[in-house]
Amino acid sequence: VDYEVRSDYISGFFNKLGISHHASLLDLACGTGTMS
């Protein structure tokens, strides 16, 4: 699983929608925390 590609993909939407890189973020069903 290419976690970095998926986190970049999601962050791309955040950037377009005004969610800054310093925003608060909930990782729901975070599992072992790799995406977190």
PDB file of all heavy atoms in Angstrom:
ATOM      1  N   VAL A   1       0.859  -1.191   0.000  1.00  0.00           N
ATOM      2  CA  VAL A   1       0.000   0.000   0.000  1.00  0.00           C
ATOM      3  C   VAL A   1       0.891   1.235   0.000  1.00  0.00           C
ATOM      4  O   VAL A   1       1.693   1.421   0.918  1.00  0.00           O
ATOM      5  CB  VAL A   1      -0.925   0.018   1.235  1.00  0.00           C
ATOM      6  CG1 VAL A   1      -1.760   1.298   1.249  1.00  0.00           C
ATOM      7  CG2 VAL A   1      -1.839  -1.199   1.235  1.00  0.00           C
ATOM      8  N   ASP A   2       0.747   2.077  -1.006  1.00  0.00           N
ATOM      9  CA  ASP A   2       1.571   3.284  -1.080  1.00  0.00           C
ATOM     10  C   ASP A   2       0.915   4.390  -0.264  1.00  0.00           C
ATOM     11  O   ASP A   2       0.185   5.236  -0.779  1.00  0.00           O
ATOM     12  CB  ASP A   2       1.742   3.716  -2.541  1.00  0.00           C
ATOM     13  CG  ASP A   2       2.964   4.613  -2.718  1.00  0.00           C
ATOM     14  OD1 ASP A   2       3.320   5.301  -1.728  1.00  0.00           O
ATOM     15  OD2 ASP A   2       3.561   4.615  -3.802  1.00  0.00           O
ATOM     16  N   TYR A   3       1.190   4.368   1.025  1.00  0.00           N
ATOM     17  CA  TYR A   3       0.564   5.315   1.946  1.00  0.00           C
ATOM     18  C   TYR A   3       0.903   6.761   1.595  1.00  0.00           C
ATOM     19  O   TYR A   3       0.050   7.645   1.708  1.00  0.00           O
ATOM     20  CB  TYR A   3       1.004   5.015   3.383  1.00  0.00           C
ATOM     21  CG  TYR A   3       0.401   3.763   3.977  1.00  0.00           C
ATOM     22  CD1 TYR A   3       1.113   2.569   3.998  1.00  0.00           C
ATOM     23  CD2 TYR A   3      -0.872   3.775   4.530  1.00  0.00           C
ATOM     24  CE1 TYR A   3       0.570   1.422   4.561  1.00  0.00           C
ATOM     25  CE2 TYR A   3      -1.423   2.636   5.097  1.00  0.00           C
ATOM     26  CZ  TYR A   3      -0.693   1.461   5.112  1.00  0.00           C
ATOM     27  OH  TYR A   3      -1.235   0.315   5.646  1.00  0.00           O
ATOM     28  N   GLU A   4       2.143   6.997   1.186  1.00  0.00           N
ATOM     29  CA  GLU A   4       2.549   8.374   0.888  1.00  0.00           C
ATOM     30  C   GLU A   4       1.761   8.930  -0.298  1.00  0.00           C
ATOM     31  O   GLU A   4       1.345  10.091  -0.275  1.00  0.00           O
ATOM     32  CB  GLU A   4       4.056   8.427   0.620  1.00  0.00           C
ATOM     33  CG  GLU A   4       4.899   8.190   1.866  1.00  0.00           C
ATOM     34  CD  GLU A   4       6.359   8.528   1.628  1.00  0.00           C
ATOM     35  OE1 GLU A   4       6.669   9.145   0.587  1.00  0.00           O
ATOM     36  OE2 GLU A   4       7.187   8.176   2.491  1.00  0.00           O
ATOM     37  N   VAL A   5       1.562   8.114  -1.316  1.00  0.00           N
ATOM     38  CA  VAL A   5       0.779   8.561  -2.468  1.00  0.00           C
ATOM     39  C   VAL A   5      -0.645   8.893  -2.035  1.00  0.00           C
ATOM     40  O   VAL A   5      -1.217   9.908  -2.462  1.00  0.00           O
ATOM     41  CB  VAL A   5       0.773   7.478  -3.569  1.00  0.00           C
ATOM     42  CG1 VAL A   5      -0.230   7.823  -4.675  1.00  0.00           C
ATOM     43  CG2 VAL A   5       2.161   7.326  -4.173  1.00  0.00           C
ATOM     44  N   ARG A   6      -1.220   8.084  -1.178  1.00  0.00           N
ATOM     45  CA  ARG A   6      -2.593   8.315  -0.733  1.00  0.00           C
ATOM     46  C   ARG A   6      -2.693   9.559   0.170  1.00  0.00           C
ATOM     47  O   ARG A   6      -3.646  10.328   0.066  1.00  0.00           O
ATOM     48  CB  ARG A   6      -3.137   7.078  -0.011  1.00  0.00           C
ATOM     49  CG  ARG A   6      -3.239   5.889  -0.951  1.00  0.00           C
ATOM     50  CD  ARG A   6      -4.005   4.710  -0.391  1.00  0.00           C
ATOM     51  NE  ARG A   6      -4.054   3.653  -1.403  1.00  0.00           N
ATOM     52  CZ  ARG A   6      -4.925   3.619  -2.404  1.00  0.00           C
ATOM     53  NH1 ARG A   6      -5.842   4.571  -2.505  1.00  0.00           N
ATOM     54  NH2 ARG A   6      -4.902   2.637  -3.286  1.00  0.00           N
ATOM     55  N   SER A   7      -1.718   9.762   1.033  1.00  0.00           N
ATOM     56  CA  SER A   7      -1.750  10.960   1.867  1.00  0.00           C
ATOM     57  C   SER A   7      -1.568  12.218   1.021  1.00  0.00           C
ATOM     58  O   SER A   7      -2.203  13.250   1.284  1.00  0.00           O
ATOM     59  CB  SER A   7      -0.695  10.883   2.977  1.00  0.00           C
ATOM     60  OG  SER A   7       0.617  10.890   2.446  1.00  0.00           O
ATOM     61  N   ASP A   8      -0.719  12.140  -0.007  1.00  0.00           N
ATOM     62  CA  ASP A   8      -0.544  13.279  -0.924  1.00  0.00           C
ATOM     63  C   ASP A   8      -1.833  13.555  -1.695  1.00  0.00           C
ATOM     64  O   ASP A   8      -2.208  14.717  -1.908  1.00  0.00           O
ATOM     65  CB  ASP A   8       0.590  13.002  -1.911  1.00  0.00           C
ATOM     66  CG  ASP A   8       1.968  13.050  -1.268  1.00  0.00           C
ATOM     67  OD1 ASP A   8       2.087  13.584  -0.148  1.00  0.00           O
ATOM     68  OD2 ASP A   8       2.918  12.541  -1.891  1.00  0.00           O
ATOM     69  N   TYR A   9      -2.484  12.487  -2.131  1.00  0.00           N
ATOM     70  CA  TYR A   9      -3.741  12.624  -2.879  1.00  0.00           C
ATOM     71  C   TYR A   9      -4.797  13.339  -2.031  1.00  0.00           C
ATOM     72  O   TYR A   9      -5.449  14.289  -2.489  1.00  0.00           O
ATOM     73  CB  TYR A   9      -4.219  11.235  -3.278  1.00  0.00           C
ATOM     74  CG  TYR A   9      -5.551  11.182  -3.996  1.00  0.00           C
ATOM     75  CD1 TYR A   9      -5.690  11.627  -5.303  1.00  0.00           C
ATOM     76  CD2 TYR A   9      -6.666  10.641  -3.361  1.00  0.00           C
ATOM     77  CE1 TYR A   9      -6.908  11.551  -5.975  1.00  0.00           C
ATOM     78  CE2 TYR A   9      -7.889  10.556  -4.012  1.00  0.00           C
ATOM     79  CZ  TYR A   9      -8.002  11.013  -5.318  1.00  0.00           C
ATOM     80  OH  TYR A   9      -9.220  10.937  -5.966  1.00  0.00           O
ATOM     81  N   ILE A  10      -4.953  12.909  -0.794  1.00  0.00           N
ATOM     82  CA  ILE A  10      -5.938  13.523   0.100  1.00  0.00           C
ATOM     83  C   ILE A  10      -5.549  14.957   0.423  1.00  0.00           C
ATOM     84  O   ILE A  10      -6.397  15.867   0.425  1.00  0.00           O
ATOM     85  CB  ILE A  10      -6.083  12.684   1.383  1.00  0.00           C
ATOM     86  CG1 ILE A  10      -6.700  11.317   1.040  1.00  0.00           C
ATOM     87  CG2 ILE A  10      -6.938  13.411   2.413  1.00  0.00           C
ATOM     88  CD1 ILE A  10      -6.695  10.336   2.186  1.00  0.00           C
ATOM     89  N   SER A  11      -4.268  15.186   0.682  1.00  0.00           N
ATOM     90  CA  SER A  11      -3.804  16.546   0.978  1.00  0.00           C
ATOM     91  C   SER A  11      -4.068  17.489  -0.186  1.00  0.00           C
ATOM     92  O   SER A  11      -4.305  18.689   0.019  1.00  0.00           O
ATOM     93  CB  SER A  11      -2.308  16.535   1.311  1.00  0.00           C
ATOM     94  OG  SER A  11      -2.058  15.858   2.509  1.00  0.00           O
ATOM     95  N   GLY A  12      -4.019  16.963  -1.406  1.00  0.00           N
ATOM     96  CA  GLY A  12      -4.317  17.779  -2.577  1.00  0.00           C
ATOM     97  C   GLY A  12      -5.726  18.351  -2.517  1.00  0.00           C
ATOM     98  O   GLY A  12      -5.945  19.528  -2.859  1.00  0.00           O
ATOM     99  N   PHE A  13      -6.668  17.552  -2.082  1.00  0.00           N
ATOM    100  CA  PHE A  13      -8.036  18.042  -1.911  1.00  0.00           C
ATOM    101  C   PHE A  13      -8.099  19.087  -0.799  1.00  0.00           C
ATOM    102  O   PHE A  13      -8.776  20.116  -0.933  1.00  0.00           O
ATOM    103  CB  PHE A  13      -8.985  16.890  -1.599  1.00  0.00           C
ATOM    104  CG  PHE A  13      -9.290  16.005  -2.772  1.00  0.00           C
ATOM    105  CD1 PHE A  13      -8.855  14.694  -2.789  1.00  0.00           C
ATOM    106  CD2 PHE A  13     -10.007  16.483  -3.861  1.00  0.00           C
ATOM    107  CE1 PHE A  13      -9.133  13.863  -3.867  1.00  0.00           C
ATOM    108  CE2 PHE A  13     -10.294  15.667  -4.946  1.00  0.00           C
ATOM    109  CZ  PHE A  13      -9.855  14.354  -4.950  1.00  0.00           C
ATOM    110  N   PHE A  14      -7.394  18.820   0.302  1.00  0.00           N
ATOM    111  CA  PHE A  14      -7.377  19.790   1.396  1.00  0.00           C
ATOM    112  C   PHE A  14      -6.858  21.145   0.915  1.00  0.00           C
ATOM    113  O   PHE A  14      -7.419  22.193   1.252  1.00  0.00           O
ATOM    114  CB  PHE A  14      -6.510  19.280   2.553  1.00  0.00           C
ATOM    115  CG  PHE A  14      -7.131  18.151   3.337  1.00  0.00           C
ATOM    116  CD1 PHE A  14      -6.334  17.251   4.032  1.00  0.00           C
ATOM    117  CD2 PHE A  14      -8.503  17.994   3.397  1.00  0.00           C
ATOM    118  CE1 PHE A  14      -6.883  16.218   4.768  1.00  0.00           C
ATOM    119  CE2 PHE A  14      -9.076  16.966   4.131  1.00  0.00           C
ATOM    120  CZ  PHE A  14      -8.259  16.070   4.821  1.00  0.00           C
ATOM    121  N   ASN A  15      -5.796  21.129   0.156  1.00  0.00           N
ATOM    122  CA  ASN A  15      -5.220  22.377  -0.354  1.00  0.00           C
ATOM    123  C   ASN A  15      -6.226  23.151  -1.197  1.00  0.00           C
ATOM    124  O   ASN A  15      -6.358  24.370  -1.081  1.00  0.00           O
ATOM    125  CB  ASN A  15      -3.963  22.085  -1.183  1.00  0.00           C
ATOM    126  CG  ASN A  15      -2.820  21.539  -0.339  1.00  0.00           C
ATOM    127  OD1 ASN A  15      -2.782  21.737   0.871  1.00  0.00           O
ATOM    128  ND2 ASN A  15      -1.905  20.834  -0.982  1.00  0.00           N
ATOM    129  N   LYS A  16      -6.938  22.438  -2.060  1.00  0.00           N
ATOM    130  CA  LYS A  16      -7.924  23.078  -2.928  1.00  0.00           C
ATOM    131  C   LYS A  16      -9.111  23.628  -2.137  1.00  0.00           C
ATOM    132  O   LYS A  16      -9.740  24.601  -2.543  1.00  0.00           O
ATOM    133  CB  LYS A  16      -8.423  22.087  -3.975  1.00  0.00           C
ATOM    134  CG  LYS A  16      -7.372  21.660  -4.981  1.00  0.00           C
ATOM    135  CD  LYS A  16      -7.930  20.612  -5.935  1.00  0.00           C
ATOM    136  CE  LYS A  16      -6.859  20.109  -6.902  1.00  0.00           C
ATOM    137  NZ  LYS A  16      -7.383  19.032  -7.791  1.00  0.00           N
ATOM    138  N   LEU A  17      -9.406  22.995  -1.000  1.00  0.00           N
ATOM    139  CA  LEU A  17     -10.602  23.345  -0.233  1.00  0.00           C
ATOM    140  C   LEU A  17     -10.302  24.222   0.973  1.00  0.00           C
ATOM    141  O   LEU A  17     -11.162  24.430   1.828  1.00  0.00           O
ATOM    142  CB  LEU A  17     -11.314  22.058   0.212  1.00  0.00           C
ATOM    143  CG  LEU A  17     -11.834  21.195  -0.951  1.00  0.00           C
ATOM    144  CD1 LEU A  17     -12.306  19.831  -0.440  1.00  0.00           C
ATOM    145  CD2 LEU A  17     -12.974  21.909  -1.669  1.00  0.00           C
ATOM    146  N   GLY A  18      -9.085  24.742   1.048  1.00  0.00           N
ATOM    147  CA  GLY A  18      -8.757  25.711   2.088  1.00  0.00           C
ATOM    148  C   GLY A  18      -8.399  25.133   3.437  1.00  0.00           C
ATOM    149  O   GLY A  18      -8.415  25.848   4.447  1.00  0.00           O
ATOM    150  N   ILE A  19      -8.064  23.841   3.475  1.00  0.00           N
ATOM    151  CA  ILE A  19      -7.611  23.221   4.726  1.00  0.00           C
ATOM    152  C   ILE A  19      -6.088  23.292   4.749  1.00  0.00           C
ATOM    153  O   ILE A  19      -5.407  22.602   3.983  1.00  0.00           O
ATOM    154  CB  ILE A  19      -8.082  21.761   4.834  1.00  0.00           C
ATOM    155  CG1 ILE A  19      -9.609  21.673   4.744  1.00  0.00           C
ATOM    156  CG2 ILE A  19      -7.581  21.130   6.126  1.00  0.00           C
ATOM    157  CD1 ILE A  19     -10.350  22.357   5.855  1.00  0.00           C
ATOM    158  N   SER A  20      -5.546  24.130   5.612  1.00  0.00           N
ATOM    159  CA  SER A  20      -4.095  24.357   5.627  1.00  0.00           C
ATOM    160  C   SER A  20      -3.361  23.184   6.263  1.00  0.00           C
ATOM    161  O   SER A  20      -3.951  22.333   6.929  1.00  0.00           O
ATOM    162  CB  SER A  20      -3.782  25.635   6.403  1.00  0.00           C
ATOM    163  OG  SER A  20      -3.926  25.410   7.799  1.00  0.00           O
ATOM    164  N   HIS A  21      -2.051  23.163   6.080  1.00  0.00           N
ATOM    165  CA  HIS A  21      -1.221  22.102   6.643  1.00  0.00           C
ATOM    166  C   HIS A  21      -1.082  22.213   8.162  1.00  0.00           C
ATOM    167  O   HIS A  21      -0.470  21.332   8.779  1.00  0.00           O
ATOM    168  CB  HIS A  21       0.165  22.104   5.988  1.00  0.00           C
ATOM    169  CG  HIS A  21       0.174  21.434   4.654  1.00  0.00           C
ATOM    170  ND1 HIS A  21       1.330  21.152   3.968  1.00  0.00           N
ATOM    171  CD2 HIS A  21      -0.831  20.990   3.865  1.00  0.00           C
ATOM    172  CE1 HIS A  21       1.034  20.565   2.818  1.00  0.00           C
ATOM    173  NE2 HIS A  21      -0.260  20.461   2.730  1.00  0.00           N
ATOM    174  N   HIS A  22      -1.614  23.264   8.734  1.00  0.00           N
ATOM    175  CA  HIS A  22      -1.589  23.395  10.196  1.00  0.00           C
ATOM    176  C   HIS A  22      -2.968  23.162  10.801  1.00  0.00           C
ATOM    177  O   HIS A  22      -3.178  23.406  11.985  1.00  0.00           O
ATOM    178  CB  HIS A  22      -1.071  24.782  10.584  1.00  0.00           C
ATOM    179  CG  HIS A  22       0.324  25.054  10.103  1.00  0.00           C
ATOM    180  ND1 HIS A  22       1.426  24.409  10.621  1.00  0.00           N
ATOM    181  CD2 HIS A  22       0.795  25.882   9.140  1.00  0.00           C
ATOM    182  CE1 HIS A  22       2.515  24.831  10.004  1.00  0.00           C
ATOM    183  NE2 HIS A  22       2.168  25.725   9.102  1.00  0.00           N
ATOM    184  N   ALA A  23      -3.877  22.647   9.982  1.00  0.00           N
ATOM    185  CA  ALA A  23      -5.244  22.415  10.443  1.00  0.00           C
ATOM    186  C   ALA A  23      -5.300  21.199  11.371  1.00  0.00           C
ATOM    187  O   ALA A  23      -4.401  20.350  11.388  1.00  0.00           O
ATOM    188  CB  ALA A  23      -6.158  22.192   9.246  1.00  0.00           C
ATOM    189  N   SER A  24      -6.377  21.125  12.142  1.00  0.00           N
ATOM    190  CA  SER A  24      -6.613  19.951  12.986  1.00  0.00           C
ATOM    191  C   SER A  24      -7.294  18.868  12.163  1.00  0.00           C
ATOM    192  O   SER A  24      -8.184  19.137  11.353  1.00  0.00           O
ATOM    193  CB  SER A  24      -7.481  20.333  14.189  1.00  0.00           C
ATOM    194  OG  SER A  24      -8.663  21.004  13.778  1.00  0.00           O
ATOM    195  N   LEU A  25      -6.853  17.619  12.350  1.00  0.00           N
ATOM    196  CA  LEU A  25      -7.290  16.518  11.494  1.00  0.00           C
ATOM    197  C   LEU A  25      -7.568  15.275  12.324  1.00  0.00           C
ATOM    198  O   LEU A  25      -6.735  14.855  13.134  1.00  0.00           O
ATOM    199  CB  LEU A  25      -6.201  16.216  10.457  1.00  0.00           C
ATOM    200  CG  LEU A  25      -6.416  14.998   9.562  1.00  0.00           C
ATOM    201  CD1 LEU A  25      -7.606  15.204   8.636  1.00  0.00           C
ATOM    202  CD2 LEU A  25      -5.156  14.699   8.750  1.00  0.00           C
ATOM    203  N   LEU A  26      -8.736  14.691  12.112  1.00  0.00           N
ATOM    204  CA  LEU A  26      -9.082  13.420  12.736  1.00  0.00           C
ATOM    205  C   LEU A  26      -8.842  12.292  11.747  1.00  0.00           C
ATOM    206  O   LEU A  26      -9.386  12.307  10.631  1.00  0.00           O
ATOM    207  CB  LEU A  26     -10.550  13.424  13.170  1.00  0.00           C
ATOM    208  CG  LEU A  26     -11.126  12.072  13.618  1.00  0.00           C
ATOM    209  CD1 LEU A  26     -10.395  11.546  14.848  1.00  0.00           C
ATOM    210  CD2 LEU A  26     -12.626  12.176  13.877  1.00  0.00           C
ATOM    211  N   ASP A  27      -8.027  11.323  12.137  1.00  0.00           N
ATOM    212  CA  ASP A  27      -7.826  10.105  11.346  1.00  0.00           C
ATOM    213  C   ASP A  27      -8.709   9.032  11.979  1.00  0.00           C
ATOM    214  O   ASP A  27      -8.355   8.417  12.986  1.00  0.00           O
ATOM    215  CB  ASP A  27      -6.358   9.700  11.360  1.00  0.00           C
ATOM    216  CG  ASP A  27      -6.072   8.499  10.454  1.00  0.00           C
ATOM    217  OD1 ASP A  27      -7.000   8.052   9.761  1.00  0.00           O
ATOM    218  OD2 ASP A  27      -4.920   8.026  10.455  1.00  0.00           O
ATOM    219  N   LEU A  28      -9.879   8.821  11.390  1.00  0.00           N
ATOM    220  CA  LEU A  28     -10.869   7.905  11.935  1.00  0.00           C
ATOM    221  C   LEU A  28     -10.586   6.490  11.462  1.00  0.00           C
ATOM    222  O   LEU A  28     -10.343   6.260  10.283  1.00  0.00           O
ATOM    223  CB  LEU A  28     -12.269   8.348  11.488  1.00  0.00           C
ATOM    224  CG  LEU A  28     -13.456   7.563  12.031  1.00  0.00           C
ATOM    225  CD1 LEU A  28     -13.515   7.626  13.548  1.00  0.00           C
ATOM    226  CD2 LEU A  28     -14.754   8.090  11.428  1.00  0.00           C
ATOM    227  N   ALA A  29     -10.638   5.521  12.399  1.00  0.00           N
ATOM    228  CA  ALA A  29     -10.237   4.139  12.119  1.00  0.00           C
ATOM    229  C   ALA A  29      -8.787   4.134  11.645  1.00  0.00           C
ATOM    230  O   ALA A  29      -8.450   3.624  10.581  1.00  0.00           O
ATOM    231  CB  ALA A  29     -11.169   3.493  11.100  1.00  0.00           C
ATOM    232  N   CYS A  30      -7.923   4.691  12.472  1.00  0.00           N
ATOM    233  CA  CYS A  30      -6.530   4.967  12.092  1.00  0.00           C
ATOM    234  C   CYS A  30      -5.660   3.727  12.046  1.00  0.00           C
ATOM    235  O   CYS A  30      -4.533   3.786  11.543  1.00  0.00           O
ATOM    236  CB  CYS A  30      -5.924   5.979  13.065  1.00  0.00           C
ATOM    237  SG  CYS A  30      -5.858   5.398  14.784  1.00  0.00           S
ATOM    238  N   GLY A  31      -6.119   2.594  12.575  1.00  0.00           N
ATOM    239  CA  GLY A  31      -5.320   1.377  12.538  1.00  0.00           C
ATOM    240  C   GLY A  31      -3.992   1.540  13.245  1.00  0.00           C
ATOM    241  O   GLY A  31      -3.930   2.043  14.376  1.00  0.00           O
ATOM    242  N   THR A  32      -2.910   1.155  12.586  1.00  0.00           N
ATOM    243  CA  THR A  32      -1.582   1.237  13.200  1.00  0.00           C
ATOM    244  C   THR A  32      -0.942   2.617  13.047  1.00  0.00           C
ATOM    245  O   THR A  32       0.233   2.787  13.349  1.00  0.00           O
ATOM    246  CB  THR A  32      -0.637   0.177  12.611  1.00  0.00           C
ATOM    247  OG1 THR A  32      -0.530   0.384  11.189  1.00  0.00           O
ATOM    248  CG2 THR A  32      -1.160  -1.230  12.877  1.00  0.00           C
ATOM    249  N   GLY A  33      -1.709   3.579  12.563  1.00  0.00           N
ATOM    250  CA  GLY A  33      -1.266   4.968  12.598  1.00  0.00           C
ATOM    251  C   GLY A  33      -0.342   5.418  11.487  1.00  0.00           C
ATOM    252  O   GLY A  33       0.209   6.522  11.559  1.00  0.00           O
ATOM    253  N   THR A  34      -0.172   4.629  10.437  1.00  0.00           N
ATOM    254  CA  THR A  34       0.740   5.022   9.359  1.00  0.00           C
ATOM    255  C   THR A  34       0.278   6.311   8.686  1.00  0.00           C
ATOM    256  O   THR A  34       1.074   7.240   8.480  1.00  0.00           O
ATOM    257  CB  THR A  34       0.870   3.905   8.315  1.00  0.00           C
ATOM    258  OG1 THR A  34       1.375   2.721   8.954  1.00  0.00           O
ATOM    259  CG2 THR A  34       1.815   4.314   7.199  1.00  0.00           C
ATOM    260  N   MET A  35      -1.011   6.388   8.338  1.00  0.00           N
ATOM    261  CA  MET A  35      -1.530   7.606   7.719  1.00  0.00           C
ATOM    262  C   MET A  35      -1.484   8.769   8.699  1.00  0.00           C
ATOM    263  O   MET A  35      -1.186   9.906   8.316  1.00  0.00           O
ATOM    264  CB  MET A  35      -2.953   7.378   7.213  1.00  0.00           C
ATOM    265  CG  MET A  35      -3.055   6.417   6.045  1.00  0.00           C
ATOM    266  SD  MET A  35      -2.307   7.041   4.519  1.00  0.00           S
ATOM    267  CE  MET A  35      -3.597   8.133   3.942  1.00  0.00           C
ATOM    268  N   SER A  36      -1.773   8.503   9.956  1.00  0.00           N
ATOM    269  CA  SER A  36      -1.720   9.561  10.971  1.00  0.00           C
ATOM    270  C   SER A  36      -0.343  10.209  11.002  1.00  0.00           C
ATOM    271  O   SER A  36      -0.214  11.444  11.047  1.00  0.00           O
ATOM    272  CB  SER A  36      -2.042   8.983  12.355  1.00  0.00           C
ATOM    273  OG  SER A  36      -3.304   8.382  12.404  1.00  0.00           O
TER     274      SER A  36
END
